[in-house]
Amino acid sequence: MAGFVQIIEYQTSRFDEVKQLGEEIREQMQARGGGPVRVTVTKSRDRDNTYLTIAEFASYEAAMANSNDPSTQQFAEAMGKLCDGPPTFYNLDVENSWENG
């Protein structure tokens, strides 16, 4: 199975604003096409105000095309202003994936 996953770990005390910003970029991506095939936003149970966004792409190349899109760069800049520090990025090639059911 091919694919690429990017996990972005960040801390924010302004999650409602981050969520709204995420909705706005999702609408833009749907209108222009491209972007991740799935996004999951999670909240840590162990660390206050810590979130991880899991963005799944069809390929590494698709993820890089998305990263280079000006609207994605504008989103990242706006999101950075809502975070309590710099995010940590994990770039992962998918080796195996399965679903139960």
PDB file of N, CA and C in Angstrom:
ATOM      1  N   MET A   1       0.843  -1.184   0.000  1.00  0.00           N
ATOM      2  CA  MET A   1       0.000   0.000   0.000  1.00  0.00           C
ATOM      3  C   MET A   1       0.880   1.236   0.000  1.00  0.00           C
ATOM      4  N   ALA A   2       0.636   2.130  -0.920  1.00  0.00           N
ATOM      5  CA  ALA A   2       1.377   3.380  -0.983  1.00  0.00           C
ATOM      6  C   ALA A   2       0.625   4.447  -0.217  1.00  0.00           C
ATOM      7  N   GLY A   3       1.322   5.458   0.159  1.00  0.00           N
ATOM      8  CA  GLY A   3       0.695   6.579   0.826  1.00  0.00           C
ATOM      9  C   GLY A   3       1.703   7.333   1.665  1.00  0.00           C
ATOM     10  N   PHE A   4       1.254   8.441   2.194  1.00  0.00           N
ATOM     11  CA  PHE A   4       2.110   9.309   2.983  1.00  0.00           C
ATOM     12  C   PHE A   4       1.245   9.952   4.060  1.00  0.00           C
ATOM     13  N   VAL A   5       1.782  10.030   5.259  1.00  0.00           N
ATOM     14  CA  VAL A   5       1.074  10.645   6.382  1.00  0.00           C
ATOM     15  C   VAL A   5       1.963  11.713   6.987  1.00  0.00           C
ATOM     16  N   GLN A   6       1.364  12.846   7.265  1.00  0.00           N
ATOM     17  CA  GLN A   6       2.078  13.893   7.991  1.00  0.00           C
ATOM     18  C   GLN A   6       1.326  14.122   9.297  1.00  0.00           C
ATOM     19  N   ILE A   7       2.062  14.085  10.394  1.00  0.00           N
ATOM     20  CA  ILE A   7       1.485  14.368  11.706  1.00  0.00           C
ATOM     21  C   ILE A   7       2.090  15.673  12.189  1.00  0.00           C
ATOM     22  N   ILE A   8       1.217  16.590  12.586  1.00  0.00           N
ATOM     23  CA  ILE A   8       1.653  17.886  13.094  1.00  0.00           C
ATOM     24  C   ILE A   8       1.233  17.962  14.551  1.00  0.00           C
ATOM     25  N   GLU A   9       2.207  18.059  15.436  1.00  0.00           N
ATOM     26  CA  GLU A   9       1.938  18.186  16.867  1.00  0.00           C
ATOM     27  C   GLU A   9       2.100  19.649  17.258  1.00  0.00           C
ATOM     28  N   TYR A  10       1.125  20.173  17.977  1.00  0.00           N
ATOM     29  CA  TYR A  10       1.175  21.579  18.350  1.00  0.00           C
ATOM     30  C   TYR A  10       0.457  21.796  19.671  1.00  0.00           C
ATOM     31  N   GLN A  11       0.759  22.914  20.293  1.00  0.00           N
ATOM     32  CA  GLN A  11       0.107  23.302  21.531  1.00  0.00           C
ATOM     33  C   GLN A  11      -0.579  24.635  21.322  1.00  0.00           C
ATOM     34  N   THR A  12      -1.812  24.719  21.821  1.00  0.00           N
ATOM     35  CA  THR A  12      -2.553  25.966  21.708  1.00  0.00           C
ATOM     36  C   THR A  12      -3.597  26.055  22.805  1.00  0.00           C
ATOM     37  N   SER A  13      -3.777  27.242  23.312  1.00  0.00           N
ATOM     38  CA  SER A  13      -4.870  27.521  24.242  1.00  0.00           C
ATOM     39  C   SER A  13      -6.031  28.163  23.478  1.00  0.00           C
ATOM     40  N   ARG A  14      -5.905  28.217  22.154  1.00  0.00           N
ATOM     41  CA  ARG A  14      -6.920  28.863  21.295  1.00  0.00           C
ATOM     42  C   ARG A  14      -7.471  27.852  20.276  1.00  0.00           C
ATOM     43  N   PHE A  15      -7.809  26.643  20.762  1.00  0.00           N
ATOM     44  CA  PHE A  15      -8.210  25.582  19.853  1.00  0.00           C
ATOM     45  C   PHE A  15      -9.450  25.922  19.032  1.00  0.00           C
ATOM     46  N   ASP A  16     -10.410  26.623  19.602  1.00  0.00           N
ATOM     47  CA  ASP A  16     -11.613  26.962  18.832  1.00  0.00           C
ATOM     48  C   ASP A  16     -11.257  27.775  17.585  1.00  0.00           C
ATOM     49  N   GLU A  17     -10.286  28.667  17.715  1.00  0.00           N
ATOM     50  CA  GLU A  17      -9.844  29.456  16.566  1.00  0.00           C
ATOM     51  C   GLU A  17      -9.082  28.581  15.562  1.00  0.00           C
ATOM     52  N   VAL A  18      -8.283  27.654  16.061  1.00  0.00           N
ATOM     53  CA  VAL A  18      -7.572  26.719  15.180  1.00  0.00           C
ATOM     54  C   VAL A  18      -8.576  25.874  14.414  1.00  0.00           C
ATOM     55  N   LYS A  19      -9.608  25.403  15.110  1.00  0.00           N
ATOM     56  CA  LYS A  19     -10.641  24.589  14.467  1.00  0.00           C
ATOM     57  C   LYS A  19     -11.349  25.366  13.359  1.00  0.00           C
ATOM     58  N   GLN A  20     -11.683  26.624  13.613  1.00  0.00           N
ATOM     59  CA  GLN A  20     -12.329  27.460  12.605  1.00  0.00           C
ATOM     60  C   GLN A  20     -11.407  27.676  11.401  1.00  0.00           C
ATOM     61  N   LEU A  21     -10.146  27.918  11.659  1.00  0.00           N
ATOM     62  CA  LEU A  21      -9.175  28.085  10.578  1.00  0.00           C
ATOM     63  C   LEU A  21      -9.078  26.808   9.755  1.00  0.00           C
ATOM     64  N   GLY A  22      -9.099  25.665  10.420  1.00  0.00           N
ATOM     65  CA  GLY A  22      -9.069  24.380   9.723  1.00  0.00           C
ATOM     66  C   GLY A  22     -10.283  24.193   8.820  1.00  0.00           C
ATOM     67  N   GLU A  23     -11.444  24.618   9.281  1.00  0.00           N
ATOM     68  CA  GLU A  23     -12.660  24.525   8.456  1.00  0.00           C
ATOM     69  C   GLU A  23     -12.535  25.396   7.208  1.00  0.00           C
ATOM     70  N   GLU A  24     -11.954  26.562   7.369  1.00  0.00           N
ATOM     71  CA  GLU A  24     -11.783  27.474   6.235  1.00  0.00           C
ATOM     72  C   GLU A  24     -10.849  26.875   5.185  1.00  0.00           C
ATOM     73  N   ILE A  25      -9.721  26.291   5.609  1.00  0.00           N
ATOM     74  CA  ILE A  25      -8.790  25.713   4.635  1.00  0.00           C
ATOM     75  C   ILE A  25      -9.397  24.476   3.996  1.00  0.00           C
ATOM     76  N   ARG A  26     -10.194  23.728   4.753  1.00  0.00           N
ATOM     77  CA  ARG A  26     -10.859  22.546   4.187  1.00  0.00           C
ATOM     78  C   ARG A  26     -11.785  22.962   3.052  1.00  0.00           C
ATOM     79  N   GLU A  27     -12.550  24.020   3.250  1.00  0.00           N
ATOM     80  CA  GLU A  27     -13.442  24.512   2.199  1.00  0.00           C
ATOM     81  C   GLU A  27     -12.654  24.963   0.974  1.00  0.00           C
ATOM     82  N   GLN A  28     -11.531  25.639   1.194  1.00  0.00           N
ATOM     83  CA  GLN A  28     -10.690  26.085   0.077  1.00  0.00           C
ATOM     84  C   GLN A  28     -10.134  24.893  -0.692  1.00  0.00           C
ATOM     85  N   MET A  29      -9.681  23.877   0.023  1.00  0.00           N
ATOM     86  CA  MET A  29      -9.114  22.698  -0.638  1.00  0.00           C
ATOM     87  C   MET A  29     -10.175  21.950  -1.426  1.00  0.00           C
ATOM     88  N   GLN A  30     -11.364  21.853  -0.878  1.00  0.00           N
ATOM     89  CA  GLN A  30     -12.436  21.177  -1.603  1.00  0.00           C
ATOM     90  C   GLN A  30     -12.788  21.942  -2.873  1.00  0.00           C
ATOM     91  N   ALA A  31     -12.742  23.259  -2.821  1.00  0.00           N
ATOM     92  CA  ALA A  31     -13.076  24.081  -3.985  1.00  0.00           C
ATOM     93  C   ALA A  31     -12.015  23.966  -5.082  1.00  0.00           C
ATOM     94  N   ARG A  32     -10.746  23.894  -4.707  1.00  0.00           N
ATOM     95  CA  ARG A  32      -9.671  23.859  -5.702  1.00  0.00           C
ATOM     96  C   ARG A  32      -9.222  22.452  -6.045  1.00  0.00           C
ATOM     97  N   GLY A  33      -9.624  21.465  -5.232  1.00  0.00           N
ATOM     98  CA  GLY A  33      -9.136  20.101  -5.441  1.00  0.00           C
ATOM     99  C   GLY A  33      -7.775  19.941  -4.810  1.00  0.00           C
ATOM    100  N   GLY A  34      -7.360  18.712  -4.663  1.00  0.00           N
ATOM    101  CA  GLY A  34      -6.059  18.449  -4.045  1.00  0.00           C
ATOM    102  C   GLY A  34      -6.160  18.425  -2.539  1.00  0.00           C
ATOM    103  N   GLY A  35      -5.015  18.478  -1.904  1.00  0.00           N
ATOM    104  CA  GLY A  35      -4.976  18.419  -0.449  1.00  0.00           C
ATOM    105  C   GLY A  35      -4.987  16.988   0.050  1.00  0.00           C
ATOM    106  N   PRO A  36      -5.084  16.823   1.345  1.00  0.00           N
ATOM    107  CA  PRO A  36      -5.081  15.485   1.918  1.00  0.00           C
ATOM    108  C   PRO A  36      -6.356  14.717   1.572  1.00  0.00           C
ATOM    109  N   VAL A  37      -6.256  13.402   1.590  1.00  0.00           N
ATOM    110  CA  VAL A  37      -7.439  12.582   1.364  1.00  0.00           C
ATOM    111  C   VAL A  37      -8.221  12.410   2.663  1.00  0.00           C
ATOM    112  N   ARG A  38      -7.556  12.592   3.794  1.00  0.00           N
ATOM    113  CA  ARG A  38      -8.227  12.513   5.095  1.00  0.00           C
ATOM    114  C   ARG A  38      -7.431  13.326   6.103  1.00  0.00           C
ATOM    115  N   VAL A  39      -8.143  13.988   7.012  1.00  0.00           N
ATOM    116  CA  VAL A  39      -7.508  14.710   8.115  1.00  0.00           C
ATOM    117  C   VAL A  39      -8.216  14.305   9.400  1.00  0.00           C
ATOM    118  N   THR A  40      -7.419  13.972  10.406  1.00  0.00           N
ATOM    119  CA  THR A  40      -7.949  13.650  11.726  1.00  0.00           C
ATOM    120  C   THR A  40      -7.252  14.563  12.731  1.00  0.00           C
ATOM    121  N   VAL A  41      -8.044  15.236  13.551  1.00  0.00           N
ATOM    122  CA  VAL A  41      -7.496  16.117  14.578  1.00  0.00           C
ATOM    123  C   VAL A  41      -7.729  15.448  15.925  1.00  0.00           C
ATOM    124  N   THR A  42      -6.665  15.337  16.713  1.00  0.00           N
ATOM    125  CA  THR A  42      -6.752  14.660  18.005  1.00  0.00           C
ATOM    126  C   THR A  42      -6.270  15.585  19.123  1.00  0.00           C
ATOM    127  N   LYS A  43      -6.719  15.283  20.339  1.00  0.00           N
ATOM    128  CA  LYS A  43      -6.302  16.035  21.529  1.00  0.00           C
ATOM    129  C   LYS A  43      -5.669  15.055  22.515  1.00  0.00           C
ATOM    130  N   SER A  44      -4.529  15.426  23.053  1.00  0.00           N
ATOM    131  CA  SER A  44      -3.837  14.575  24.010  1.00  0.00           C
ATOM    132  C   SER A  44      -4.609  14.498  25.323  1.00  0.00           C
ATOM    133  N   ARG A  45      -4.705  13.302  25.869  1.00  0.00           N
ATOM    134  CA  ARG A  45      -5.287  13.116  27.197  1.00  0.00           C
ATOM    135  C   ARG A  45      -4.232  13.318  28.286  1.00  0.00           C
ATOM    136  N   ASP A  46      -2.964  13.350  27.884  1.00  0.00           N
ATOM    137  CA  ASP A  46      -1.870  13.397  28.849  1.00  0.00           C
ATOM    138  C   ASP A  46      -1.221  14.769  28.998  1.00  0.00           C
ATOM    139  N   ARG A  47      -1.366  15.617  27.982  1.00  0.00           N
ATOM    140  CA  ARG A  47      -0.709  16.931  28.017  1.00  0.00           C
ATOM    141  C   ARG A  47      -1.722  18.007  27.661  1.00  0.00           C
ATOM    142  N   ASP A  48      -1.923  18.953  28.557  1.00  0.00           N
ATOM    143  CA  ASP A  48      -2.891  20.028  28.345  1.00  0.00           C
ATOM    144  C   ASP A  48      -2.576  20.819  27.085  1.00  0.00           C
ATOM    145  N   ASN A  49      -3.621  21.181  26.375  1.00  0.00           N
ATOM    146  CA  ASN A  49      -3.526  22.043  25.185  1.00  0.00           C
ATOM    147  C   ASN A  49      -2.609  21.486  24.104  1.00  0.00           C
ATOM    148  N   THR A  50      -2.446  20.166  24.047  1.00  0.00           N
ATOM    149  CA  THR A  50      -1.611  19.528  23.034  1.00  0.00           C
ATOM    150  C   THR A  50      -2.489  18.774  22.057  1.00  0.00           C
ATOM    151  N   TYR A  51      -2.281  19.030  20.780  1.00  0.00           N
ATOM    152  CA  TYR A  51      -3.094  18.455  19.706  1.00  0.00           C
ATOM    153  C   TYR A  51      -2.173  17.860  18.651  1.00  0.00           C
ATOM    154  N   LEU A  52      -2.682  16.849  17.950  1.00  0.00           N
ATOM    155  CA  LEU A  52      -1.984  16.280  16.807  1.00  0.00           C
ATOM    156  C   LEU A  52      -2.965  16.210  15.646  1.00  0.00           C
ATOM    157  N   THR A  53      -2.560  16.736  14.517  1.00  0.00           N
ATOM    158  CA  THR A  53      -3.343  16.628  13.296  1.00  0.00           C
ATOM    159  C   THR A  53      -2.666  15.597  12.405  1.00  0.00           C
ATOM    160  N   ILE A  54      -3.448  14.626  11.961  1.00  0.00           N
ATOM    161  CA  ILE A  54      -2.946  13.553  11.106  1.00  0.00           C
ATOM    162  C   ILE A  54      -3.520  13.780   9.713  1.00  0.00           C
ATOM    163  N   ALA A  55      -2.664  14.131   8.771  1.00  0.00           N
ATOM    164  CA  ALA A  55      -3.077  14.397   7.385  1.00  0.00           C
ATOM    165  C   ALA A  55      -2.582  13.256   6.510  1.00  0.00           C
ATOM    166  N   GLU A  56      -3.516  12.580   5.838  1.00  0.00           N
ATOM    167  CA  GLU A  56      -3.181  11.448   4.978  1.00  0.00           C
ATOM    168  C   GLU A  56      -3.238  11.881   3.518  1.00  0.00           C
ATOM    169  N   PHE A  57      -2.196  11.531   2.771  1.00  0.00           N
ATOM    170  CA  PHE A  57      -2.087  11.885   1.357  1.00  0.00           C
ATOM    171  C   PHE A  57      -1.926  10.622   0.520  1.00  0.00           C
ATOM    172  N   ALA A  58      -2.277  10.720  -0.739  1.00  0.00           N
ATOM    173  CA  ALA A  58      -2.117   9.587  -1.658  1.00  0.00           C
ATOM    174  C   ALA A  58      -0.648   9.252  -1.869  1.00  0.00           C
ATOM    175  N   SER A  59       0.217  10.259  -1.793  1.00  0.00           N
ATOM    176  CA  SER A  59       1.649  10.046  -2.023  1.00  0.00           C
ATOM    177  C   SER A  59       2.445  11.189  -1.402  1.00  0.00           C
ATOM    178  N   TYR A  60       3.741  10.976  -1.291  1.00  0.00           N
ATOM    179  CA  TYR A  60       4.646  12.025  -0.830  1.00  0.00           C
ATOM    180  C   TYR A  60       4.572  13.229  -1.774  1.00  0.00           C
ATOM    181  N   GLU A  61       4.518  12.938  -3.069  1.00  0.00           N
ATOM    182  CA  GLU A  61       4.465  14.015  -4.071  1.00  0.00           C
ATOM    183  C   GLU A  61       3.205  14.864  -3.897  1.00  0.00           C
ATOM    184  N   ALA A  62       2.074  14.222  -3.607  1.00  0.00           N
ATOM    185  CA  ALA A  62       0.833  14.963  -3.378  1.00  0.00           C
ATOM    186  C   ALA A  62       0.951  15.842  -2.133  1.00  0.00           C
ATOM    187  N   ALA A  63       1.611  15.323  -1.109  1.00  0.00           N
ATOM    188  CA  ALA A  63       1.802  16.105   0.114  1.00  0.00           C
ATOM    189  C   ALA A  63       2.691  17.315  -0.144  1.00  0.00           C
ATOM    190  N   MET A  64       3.745  17.143  -0.936  1.00  0.00           N
ATOM    191  CA  MET A  64       4.647  18.254  -1.230  1.00  0.00           C
ATOM    192  C   MET A  64       3.965  19.299  -2.115  1.00  0.00           C
ATOM    193  N   ALA A  65       3.133  18.846  -3.050  1.00  0.00           N
ATOM    194  CA  ALA A  65       2.373  19.794  -3.874  1.00  0.00           C
ATOM    195  C   ALA A  65       1.448  20.613  -2.980  1.00  0.00           C
ATOM    196  N   ASN A  66       0.827  19.971  -2.005  1.00  0.00           N
ATOM    197  CA  ASN A  66      -0.043  20.671  -1.067  1.00  0.00           C
ATOM    198  C   ASN A  66       0.758  21.661  -0.224  1.00  0.00           C
ATOM    199  N   SER A  67       1.928  21.233   0.256  1.00  0.00           N
ATOM    200  CA  SER A  67       2.771  22.109   1.083  1.00  0.00           C
ATOM    201  C   SER A  67       3.223  23.342   0.322  1.00  0.00           C
ATOM    202  N   ASN A  68       3.432  23.199  -0.985  1.00  0.00           N
ATOM    203  CA  ASN A  68       3.913  24.316  -1.797  1.00  0.00           C
ATOM    204  C   ASN A  68       2.802  25.244  -2.278  1.00  0.00           C
ATOM    205  N   ASP A  69       1.551  24.861  -2.042  1.00  0.00           N
ATOM    206  CA  ASP A  69       0.422  25.695  -2.458  1.00  0.00           C
ATOM    207  C   ASP A  69       0.392  26.955  -1.588  1.00  0.00           C
ATOM    208  N   PRO A  70       0.267  28.142  -2.193  1.00  0.00           N
ATOM    209  CA  PRO A  70       0.247  29.386  -1.417  1.00  0.00           C
ATOM    210  C   PRO A  70      -0.830  29.422  -0.329  1.00  0.00           C
ATOM    211  N   SER A  71      -2.001  28.828  -0.575  1.00  0.00           N
ATOM    212  CA  SER A  71      -3.050  28.854   0.450  1.00  0.00           C
ATOM    213  C   SER A  71      -2.656  28.008   1.657  1.00  0.00           C
ATOM    214  N   THR A  72      -1.915  26.919   1.436  1.00  0.00           N
ATOM    215  CA  THR A  72      -1.435  26.102   2.543  1.00  0.00           C
ATOM    216  C   THR A  72      -0.401  26.874   3.346  1.00  0.00           C
ATOM    217  N   GLN A  73       0.459  27.595   2.657  1.00  0.00           N
ATOM    218  CA  GLN A  73       1.464  28.390   3.355  1.00  0.00           C
ATOM    219  C   GLN A  73       0.822  29.511   4.162  1.00  0.00           C
ATOM    220  N   GLN A  74      -0.234  30.136   3.638  1.00  0.00           N
ATOM    221  CA  GLN A  74      -0.963  31.166   4.378  1.00  0.00           C
ATOM    222  C   GLN A  74      -1.637  30.563   5.612  1.00  0.00           C
ATOM    223  N   PHE A  75      -2.214  29.363   5.441  1.00  0.00           N
ATOM    224  CA  PHE A  75      -2.836  28.665   6.565  1.00  0.00           C
ATOM    225  C   PHE A  75      -1.807  28.394   7.655  1.00  0.00           C
ATOM    226  N   ALA A  76      -0.635  27.883   7.281  1.00  0.00           N
ATOM    227  CA  ALA A  76       0.411  27.555   8.255  1.00  0.00           C
ATOM    228  C   ALA A  76       0.855  28.805   9.018  1.00  0.00           C
ATOM    229  N   GLU A  77       0.957  29.917   8.319  1.00  0.00           N
ATOM    230  CA  GLU A  77       1.351  31.170   8.975  1.00  0.00           C
ATOM    231  C   GLU A  77       0.279  31.615   9.970  1.00  0.00           C
ATOM    232  N   ALA A  78      -0.982  31.563   9.566  1.00  0.00           N
ATOM    233  CA  ALA A  78      -2.082  31.957  10.448  1.00  0.00           C
ATOM    234  C   ALA A  78      -2.172  31.014  11.648  1.00  0.00           C
ATOM    235  N   MET A  79      -1.981  29.733  11.407  1.00  0.00           N
ATOM    236  CA  MET A  79      -2.048  28.758  12.495  1.00  0.00           C
ATOM    237  C   MET A  79      -0.909  28.979  13.482  1.00  0.00           C
ATOM    238  N   GLY A  80       0.262  29.283  12.966  1.00  0.00           N
ATOM    239  CA  GLY A  80       1.405  29.537  13.834  1.00  0.00           C
ATOM    240  C   GLY A  80       1.140  30.646  14.834  1.00  0.00           C
ATOM    241  N   LYS A  81       0.346  31.627  14.430  1.00  0.00           N
ATOM    242  CA  LYS A  81       0.013  32.739  15.326  1.00  0.00           C
ATOM    243  C   LYS A  81      -0.950  32.315  16.432  1.00  0.00           C
ATOM    244  N   LEU A  82      -1.657  31.213  16.230  1.00  0.00           N
ATOM    245  CA  LEU A  82      -2.608  30.718  17.227  1.00  0.00           C
ATOM    246  C   LEU A  82      -2.001  29.687  18.169  1.00  0.00           C
ATOM    247  N   CYS A  83      -0.780  29.252  17.869  1.00  0.00           N
ATOM    248  CA  CYS A  83      -0.135  28.216  18.680  1.00  0.00           C
ATOM    249  C   CYS A  83       0.756  28.832  19.746  1.00  0.00           C
ATOM    250  N   ASP A  84       0.995  28.059  20.804  1.00  0.00           N
ATOM    251  CA  ASP A  84       1.801  28.514  21.929  1.00  0.00           C
ATOM    252  C   ASP A  84       3.293  28.289  21.711  1.00  0.00           C
ATOM    253  N   GLY A  85       3.661  27.745  20.556  1.00  0.00           N
ATOM    254  CA  GLY A  85       5.057  27.491  20.215  1.00  0.00           C
ATOM    255  C   GLY A  85       5.100  26.879  18.841  1.00  0.00           C
ATOM    256  N   PRO A  86       6.287  26.594  18.342  1.00  0.00           N
ATOM    257  CA  PRO A  86       6.391  26.011  17.000  1.00  0.00           C
ATOM    258  C   PRO A  86       5.875  24.567  16.981  1.00  0.00           C
ATOM    259  N   PRO A  87       5.265  24.153  15.866  1.00  0.00           N
ATOM    260  CA  PRO A  87       4.783  22.777  15.760  1.00  0.00           C
ATOM    261  C   PRO A  87       5.945  21.824  15.486  1.00  0.00           C
ATOM    262  N   THR A  88       5.684  20.548  15.728  1.00  0.00           N
ATOM    263  CA  THR A  88       6.616  19.487  15.378  1.00  0.00           C
ATOM    264  C   THR A  88       5.979  18.672  14.265  1.00  0.00           C
ATOM    265  N   PHE A  89       6.737  18.437  13.195  1.00  0.00           N
ATOM    266  CA  PHE A  89       6.228  17.699  12.041  1.00  0.00           C
ATOM    267  C   PHE A  89       6.852  16.310  11.995  1.00  0.00           C
ATOM    268  N   TYR A  90       6.013  15.319  11.686  1.00  0.00           N
ATOM    269  CA  TYR A  90       6.460  13.949  11.455  1.00  0.00           C
ATOM    270  C   TYR A  90       6.021  13.574  10.049  1.00  0.00           C
ATOM    271  N   ASN A  91       6.963  13.231   9.194  1.00  0.00           N
ATOM    272  CA  ASN A  91       6.691  12.865   7.801  1.00  0.00           C
ATOM    273  C   ASN A  91       6.909  11.364   7.649  1.00  0.00           C
ATOM    274  N   LEU A  92       5.832  10.643   7.296  1.00  0.00           N
ATOM    275  CA  LEU A  92       5.854   9.190   7.378  1.00  0.00           C
ATOM    276  C   LEU A  92       5.362   8.538   6.093  1.00  0.00           C
ATOM    277  N   ASP A  93       6.153   7.641   5.538  1.00  0.00           N
ATOM    278  CA  ASP A  93       5.696   6.795   4.434  1.00  0.00           C
ATOM    279  C   ASP A  93       4.847   5.680   5.023  1.00  0.00           C
ATOM    280  N   VAL A  94       3.722   5.389   4.403  1.00  0.00           N
ATOM    281  CA  VAL A  94       2.846   4.318   4.865  1.00  0.00           C
ATOM    282  C   VAL A  94       3.403   2.982   4.375  1.00  0.00           C
ATOM    283  N   GLU A  95       3.687   2.100   5.297  1.00  0.00           N
ATOM    284  CA  GLU A  95       4.182   0.755   4.972  1.00  0.00           C
ATOM    285  C   GLU A  95       3.059  -0.266   4.970  1.00  0.00           C
ATOM    286  N   ASN A  96       2.077  -0.071   5.849  1.00  0.00           N
ATOM    287  CA  ASN A  96       0.975  -1.007   5.942  1.00  0.00           C
ATOM    288  C   ASN A  96      -0.192  -0.295   6.617  1.00  0.00           C
ATOM    289  N   SER A  97      -1.391  -0.645   6.211  1.00  0.00           N
ATOM    290  CA  SER A  97      -2.590  -0.062   6.808  1.00  0.00           C
ATOM    291  C   SER A  97      -3.709  -1.063   6.715  1.00  0.00           C
ATOM    292  N   TRP A  98      -4.552  -1.124   7.748  1.00  0.00           N
ATOM    293  CA  TRP A  98      -5.698  -2.022   7.689  1.00  0.00           C
ATOM    294  C   TRP A  98      -6.829  -1.445   8.512  1.00  0.00           C
ATOM    295  N   GLU A  99      -8.008  -1.889   8.232  1.00  0.00           N
ATOM    296  CA  GLU A  99      -9.196  -1.484   8.981  1.00  0.00           C
ATOM    297  C   GLU A  99      -9.884  -2.730   9.483  1.00  0.00           C
ATOM    298  N   ASN A 100     -10.421  -2.652  10.657  1.00  0.00           N
ATOM    299  CA  ASN A 100     -11.146  -3.773  11.257  1.00  0.00           C
ATOM    300  C   ASN A 100     -12.617  -3.634  10.918  1.00  0.00           C
ATOM    301  N   GLY A 101     -13.103  -4.549  10.139  1.00  0.00           N
ATOM    302  CA  GLY A 101     -14.531  -4.512   9.820  1.00  0.00           C
ATOM    303  C   GLY A 101     -14.766  -4.318   8.433  1.00  0.00           C
TER     304      GLY A 101
END
